[in-house]
């Protein structure tokens, strides 16, 4: 593993310790900063922070969806239940 990969792995490890609820509270702030495009280091950092927030939210959404799909169910699903609300995030491949 080269030094760039080591640095990225260290960053990822630190990000994994961040609380999604705390990050989500910052989402609107950084969304607005990203919308105000400027040729500054502050704007570039805002884009990275906004991307990190979205990455953590996406990771958790994928994890939770997978957890629910693999959860053993003792009951059959009732057709009278309302369908699960679609997540606001999309997985881009």
Protein backbone atom coordinates (compact mmCIF):
# COMPACT_ATOMS: atom_id res chain seq x y z
CA UNK A 1 0.00 0.00 0.00
CA UNK A 2 1.48 3.35 -1.01
CA UNK A 3 1.48 6.50 1.13
CA UNK A 4 -1.55 7.99 -0.65
CA UNK A 5 -3.60 4.88 0.13
CA UNK A 6 -2.36 4.92 3.72
CA UNK A 7 -3.43 8.55 4.07
CA UNK A 8 -6.85 7.85 2.58
CA UNK A 9 -7.33 4.84 4.85
CA UNK A 10 -6.47 6.96 7.88
CA UNK A 11 -8.98 9.62 6.78
CA UNK A 12 -11.64 6.95 6.23
CA UNK A 13 -10.96 5.45 9.65
CA UNK A 14 -11.47 8.86 11.27
CA UNK A 15 -14.66 9.48 9.30
CA UNK A 16 -16.12 6.17 10.46
CA UNK A 17 -16.09 7.51 14.03
CA UNK A 18 -18.26 10.53 13.11
CA UNK A 19 -21.88 10.45 14.24
CA UNK A 20 -24.38 10.54 11.37
CA UNK A 21 -26.89 12.61 13.35
CA UNK A 22 -24.29 15.29 14.02
CA UNK A 23 -23.21 15.25 10.39
CA UNK A 24 -26.80 15.47 9.18
CA UNK A 25 -27.31 18.60 11.26
CA UNK A 26 -24.57 20.23 9.15
CA UNK A 27 -25.94 19.05 5.79
CA UNK A 28 -27.99 22.18 4.97
CA UNK A 29 -25.16 24.48 5.96
CA UNK A 30 -22.69 22.83 3.61
CA UNK A 31 -25.26 22.34 0.86
CA UNK A 32 -25.75 26.11 0.82
CA UNK A 33 -21.99 26.75 0.84
CA UNK A 34 -21.53 24.37 -2.11
CA UNK A 35 -24.28 26.13 -4.06
CA UNK A 36 -22.38 29.41 -3.77
CA UNK A 37 -19.61 28.43 -6.16
CA UNK A 38 -16.43 30.41 -5.74
CA UNK A 39 -12.80 29.96 -6.58
CA UNK A 40 -11.66 29.71 -2.96
CA UNK A 41 -10.11 27.10 -0.72
CA UNK A 42 -13.06 27.55 1.66
CA UNK A 43 -15.53 26.53 -1.07
CA UNK A 44 -13.35 23.53 -2.00
CA UNK A 45 -13.29 22.39 1.64
CA UNK A 46 -17.07 22.82 1.82
CA UNK A 47 -17.48 20.53 -1.21
CA UNK A 48 -15.29 17.88 0.44
CA UNK A 49 -17.18 18.17 3.75
CA UNK A 50 -20.54 17.97 1.97
CA UNK A 51 -19.32 14.88 0.11
CA UNK A 52 -18.16 13.27 3.35
CA UNK A 53 -21.55 13.89 4.97
CA UNK A 54 -23.29 12.32 1.97
CA UNK A 55 -20.86 9.41 1.94
CA UNK A 56 -21.54 8.57 5.60
CA UNK A 57 -25.29 8.85 5.06
CA UNK A 58 -25.09 6.64 1.97
CA UNK A 59 -22.92 4.06 3.74
CA UNK A 60 -25.39 3.87 6.63
CA UNK A 61 -28.41 3.67 4.31
CA UNK A 62 -26.83 0.79 2.37
CA UNK A 63 -25.81 -0.96 5.59
CA UNK A 64 -29.28 -0.58 7.14
CA UNK A 65 -31.03 -1.74 3.97
CA UNK A 66 -28.79 -4.80 3.82
CA UNK A 67 -29.40 -5.48 7.49
CA UNK A 68 -33.17 -5.36 6.98
CA UNK A 69 -33.02 -7.61 3.92
CA UNK A 70 -30.98 -10.23 5.74
CA UNK A 71 -33.03 -10.08 8.94
CA UNK A 72 -34.89 -13.35 9.50
CA UNK A 73 -38.59 -12.70 9.51
CA UNK A 74 -40.98 -14.82 11.57
CA UNK A 75 -44.01 -13.09 10.09
CA UNK A 76 -45.05 -12.72 6.53
CA UNK A 77 -45.44 -9.16 5.37
CA UNK A 78 -48.93 -7.82 5.63
CA UNK A 79 -50.26 -6.27 2.42
CA UNK A 80 -52.13 -3.69 4.50
CA UNK A 81 -48.86 -2.09 5.63
CA UNK A 82 -47.87 1.10 3.87
CA UNK A 83 -44.80 0.77 1.66
CA UNK A 84 -41.50 1.91 3.06
CA UNK A 85 -40.67 5.48 2.09
CA UNK A 86 -38.02 5.62 -0.62
CA UNK A 87 -34.65 6.86 0.63
CA UNK A 88 -33.57 10.30 -0.46
CA UNK A 89 -30.19 8.94 -1.55
CA UNK A 90 -29.49 7.02 -4.71
CA UNK A 91 -26.73 4.49 -5.22
CA UNK A 92 -24.76 5.46 -8.29
CA UNK A 93 -22.79 2.71 -9.96
